[in-house]
Protein backbone atom coordinates (compact mmCIF):
# COMPACT_ATOMS: atom_id res chain seq x y z
CA MET A 1 21.51 -4.00 16.40
CA SER A 2 18.46 -6.75 15.70
CA ARG A 3 17.04 -7.02 12.52
CA SER A 4 13.72 -7.00 14.27
CA SER A 5 13.00 -5.77 17.69
CA PRO A 6 9.82 -4.97 19.68
CA THR A 7 10.69 -0.89 19.95
CA ARG A 8 11.99 -1.50 16.19
CA ASP A 9 8.64 -2.79 15.06
CA ARG A 10 6.59 0.27 17.57
CA ILE A 11 9.07 2.57 15.61
CA LEU A 12 7.80 1.92 12.63
CA ASP A 13 3.87 1.41 13.72
CA VAL A 14 4.20 4.95 14.75
CA ALA A 15 5.97 6.31 11.57
CA GLN A 16 3.49 4.40 9.20
CA ARG A 17 0.34 5.98 11.45
CA LEU A 18 1.94 9.44 10.94
CA THR A 19 3.11 9.03 6.88
CA GLN A 20 -0.14 8.25 6.29
CA GLU A 21 -1.94 10.65 8.08
CA ARG A 22 0.53 13.51 7.40
CA GLY A 23 3.61 12.59 5.07
CA PHE A 24 6.57 11.49 5.41
CA ASN A 25 8.17 15.10 5.70
CA ALA A 26 5.83 15.90 8.01
CA PHE A 27 6.76 14.23 10.88
CA SER A 28 10.41 13.85 12.89
CA TYR A 29 11.82 11.75 15.18
CA LEU A 30 11.04 13.73 18.24
CA ASP A 31 6.78 13.07 17.11
CA ILE A 32 7.39 9.55 17.09
CA GLY A 33 9.13 9.34 20.42
CA THR A 34 6.56 11.68 22.07
CA GLN A 35 4.20 9.12 20.91
CA LEU A 36 6.36 6.13 22.08
CA GLY A 37 7.24 7.79 25.09
CA ILE A 38 11.46 7.04 23.97
CA ARG A 39 14.16 9.41 23.60
CA ASN A 40 15.64 10.26 20.11
CA ALA A 41 18.61 8.10 20.60
CA SER A 42 16.58 4.95 20.92
CA ILE A 43 14.87 5.75 17.71
CA HIS A 44 18.70 6.46 16.12
CA TYR A 45 19.84 3.15 17.80
CA HIS A 46 17.38 1.31 15.07
CA PHE A 47 17.34 3.89 12.59
CA PRO A 48 20.67 6.12 12.27
CA SER A 49 18.59 8.15 9.58
CA LYS A 50 15.34 9.18 8.52
CA ALA A 51 16.10 7.80 5.04
CA GLU A 52 16.92 4.52 7.02
CA LEU A 53 13.77 4.29 8.55
CA GLY A 54 11.76 5.43 5.33
CA LEU A 55 13.66 2.77 3.82
CA ALA A 56 12.43 0.16 6.41
CA LEU A 57 9.34 1.50 6.59
CA VAL A 58 8.59 1.20 2.89
CA ARG A 59 10.04 -2.18 2.86
CA ARG A 60 7.81 -3.95 5.24
CA TYR A 61 4.75 -2.28 3.53
CA ARG A 62 5.37 -4.09 0.33
CA GLU A 63 6.69 -7.49 2.18
CA TRP A 64 3.22 -7.22 4.07
CA LEU A 65 1.72 -6.55 0.52
CA GLN A 66 3.45 -9.96 -0.62
CA ASP A 67 2.06 -11.92 2.39
CA ILE A 68 -1.20 -10.83 1.17
CA LEU A 69 -0.93 -11.69 -2.03
CA THR A 70 0.62 -14.88 -1.42
CA GLY A 71 -2.98 -15.82 0.95
CA LEU A 72 -4.74 -14.44 -2.02
CA ASP A 73 -3.32 -16.95 -4.27
CA ALA A 74 -4.70 -20.00 -2.37
CA GLU A 75 -8.25 -18.78 -3.74
CA PRO A 76 -8.77 -21.05 -6.90
CA SER A 77 -11.22 -18.59 -8.37
CA PRO A 78 -9.86 -15.64 -9.96
CA ARG A 79 -12.77 -13.71 -9.61
CA ARG A 80 -12.82 -14.34 -6.02
CA ARG A 81 -8.90 -13.41 -5.89
CA LEU A 82 -9.93 -10.06 -7.55
CA ASP A 83 -12.48 -9.29 -4.83
CA ARG A 84 -10.47 -10.35 -1.97
CA TYR A 85 -7.74 -7.99 -3.36
CA VAL A 86 -10.02 -5.01 -3.82
CA ASP A 87 -11.15 -5.97 0.17
CA SER A 88 -7.79 -5.74 1.26
CA TYR A 89 -7.17 -2.27 -0.42
CA ARG A 90 -10.31 -1.31 1.49
CA GLU A 91 -8.91 -2.41 4.57
CA VAL A 92 -6.28 0.47 4.14
CA VAL A 93 -8.43 3.35 3.33
CA HIS A 94 -9.81 5.20 7.20
CA ASP A 95 -12.53 7.60 7.57
CA ASP A 96 -9.82 9.73 8.99
CA GLY A 97 -8.01 9.96 5.65
CA ARG A 98 -5.06 7.50 6.45
CA ILE A 99 -4.71 5.34 3.21
CA CYS A 100 -2.02 3.21 1.46
CA LEU A 101 1.53 4.02 2.55
CA CYS A 102 2.56 4.00 -0.91
CA THR A 103 -0.22 6.08 -2.55
CA VAL A 104 0.56 8.85 -0.06
CA LEU A 105 4.53 8.81 -0.63
CA THR A 106 4.11 8.86 -4.03
CA ALA A 107 2.88 12.70 -3.83
CA GLU A 108 6.34 12.98 -1.65
CA ASP A 109 8.36 11.25 -4.50
CA ALA A 110 10.55 14.05 -5.72
CA ALA A 111 11.50 14.99 -1.90
CA LEU A 112 12.15 11.02 -0.92
CA PRO A 113 15.75 9.19 -1.26
CA ALA A 114 16.40 7.52 -3.69
CA GLY A 115 15.94 4.26 -1.97
CA MET A 116 12.33 4.87 -0.67
CA ARG A 117 11.66 5.96 -4.21
CA GLU A 118 12.85 2.56 -5.45
CA GLU A 119 10.85 0.59 -3.10
CA ILE A 120 7.77 2.76 -3.54
CA GLN A 121 8.38 1.48 -7.28
CA ALA A 122 8.73 -2.32 -6.05
CA PHE A 123 5.33 -2.18 -4.43
CA PHE A 124 3.23 -0.82 -7.07
CA ASP A 125 5.24 -3.32 -9.80
CA LEU A 126 4.30 -6.05 -7.22
CA ASN A 127 0.97 -5.00 -7.38
CA GLU A 128 0.61 -4.73 -11.15
CA ARG A 129 2.56 -8.20 -12.26
CA TRP A 130 0.27 -9.97 -9.75
CA LEU A 131 -3.04 -8.60 -11.25
CA GLY A 132 -1.80 -8.96 -14.38
CA GLY A 133 -1.91 -12.64 -13.47
CA VAL A 134 -4.67 -12.62 -11.93
CA LEU A 135 -6.54 -11.08 -14.89
CA GLN A 136 -4.72 -13.35 -17.29
CA ALA A 137 -5.93 -17.04 -15.35
CA GLY A 138 -9.40 -15.17 -15.12
CA ILE A 139 -9.46 -14.99 -18.83
CA ALA A 140 -8.65 -18.49 -18.88
CA ALA A 141 -11.37 -19.73 -16.84
CA GLY A 142 -13.75 -17.54 -18.32
CA GLU A 143 -14.55 -15.33 -15.21
CA LEU A 144 -12.58 -12.33 -16.40
CA ARG A 145 -12.89 -10.07 -19.32
CA VAL A 146 -10.49 -7.18 -20.40
CA THR A 147 -10.39 -5.06 -23.19
CA GLY A 148 -7.10 -4.64 -24.77
CA ALA A 149 -3.49 -5.45 -23.06
CA ARG A 150 -3.38 -7.52 -19.83
CA GLU A 151 -0.96 -5.41 -18.50
CA LEU A 152 -2.51 -2.15 -19.36
CA ALA A 153 -6.10 -3.32 -17.92
CA ALA A 154 -3.76 -4.29 -14.14
CA ALA A 155 -2.17 -0.79 -14.44
CA SER A 156 -5.81 0.65 -15.07
CA LEU A 157 -7.28 -1.30 -12.42
CA LEU A 158 -4.49 -0.32 -9.82
CA ALA A 159 -4.96 3.31 -11.21
CA THR A 160 -8.61 3.31 -10.38
CA LEU A 161 -8.06 1.69 -6.78
CA GLU A 162 -5.12 4.52 -6.36
CA GLY A 163 -7.17 7.25 -7.45
CA ALA A 164 -10.44 6.03 -5.44
CA MET A 165 -8.45 6.18 -2.08
CA LEU A 166 -7.96 9.60 -2.84
CA LEU A 167 -11.05 10.54 -3.59
CA ALA A 168 -11.97 8.55 -0.11
CA ARG A 169 -9.43 10.40 1.72
CA ALA A 170 -10.73 14.17 0.69
CA ALA A 171 -14.72 13.06 1.24
CA ARG A 172 -13.43 11.39 4.88
CA ASP A 173 -15.17 9.02 3.62
CA ALA A 174 -13.88 5.36 3.35
CA SER A 175 -17.21 4.23 1.56
CA ARG A 176 -16.17 6.22 -1.50
CA PHE A 177 -13.48 4.09 -1.99
CA THR A 178 -15.84 0.82 -2.01
CA GLN A 179 -18.28 1.99 -4.22
CA LEU A 180 -15.53 3.34 -6.87
CA ALA A 181 -13.31 0.38 -6.38
CA ARG A 182 -16.55 -2.35 -6.97
CA ALA A 183 -17.43 -0.46 -10.37
CA ALA A 184 -14.28 -0.85 -11.68
CA VAL A 185 -14.15 -4.19 -10.77
CA ALA A 186 -17.48 -5.19 -12.01
CA ASP A 187 -16.46 -3.97 -15.27
CA LEU A 188 -14.01 -6.98 -15.69
CA TYR A 189 -16.49 -9.59 -14.79
CA ALA A 190 -17.05 -12.33 -17.19
């Protein structure tokens, strides 16, 4: 079995969308198969268990984030990096209620396999470390300011963005995220 194949990627794409819409425990292999026009056996070939599917799904999402952050690191201005980061978060907030995969999964934490929980934590750790680095660079460049510890400011900003996604989801209005995220970031401008 190959690590990546078009069918495997399509399965993950559908699983991601279903998770973002309903939650991980609210869909089955039958739901995926119906959307793709394939049998459950084809899904089981790539992902013998739903736990393996979930682990691959979150790992792929974390790796996608890592690629985004690597691209943002090319931006010389820490303030601009921060703005582009918020823009990338905005891209996962949809008027139909879909939001960040890991935000949705956090609500199901107690019912998820340990491997998925570890990957979700790695996703949030990656965000916090990256934000902490950007804040540190922004302070040094005179572009950003924080009150208190940089690590706490990074965690607070991440929590604000995550909460803003949830409020946008509840309102079925992605612009709500943008308003709240922009206000939070503006407070960091020097």
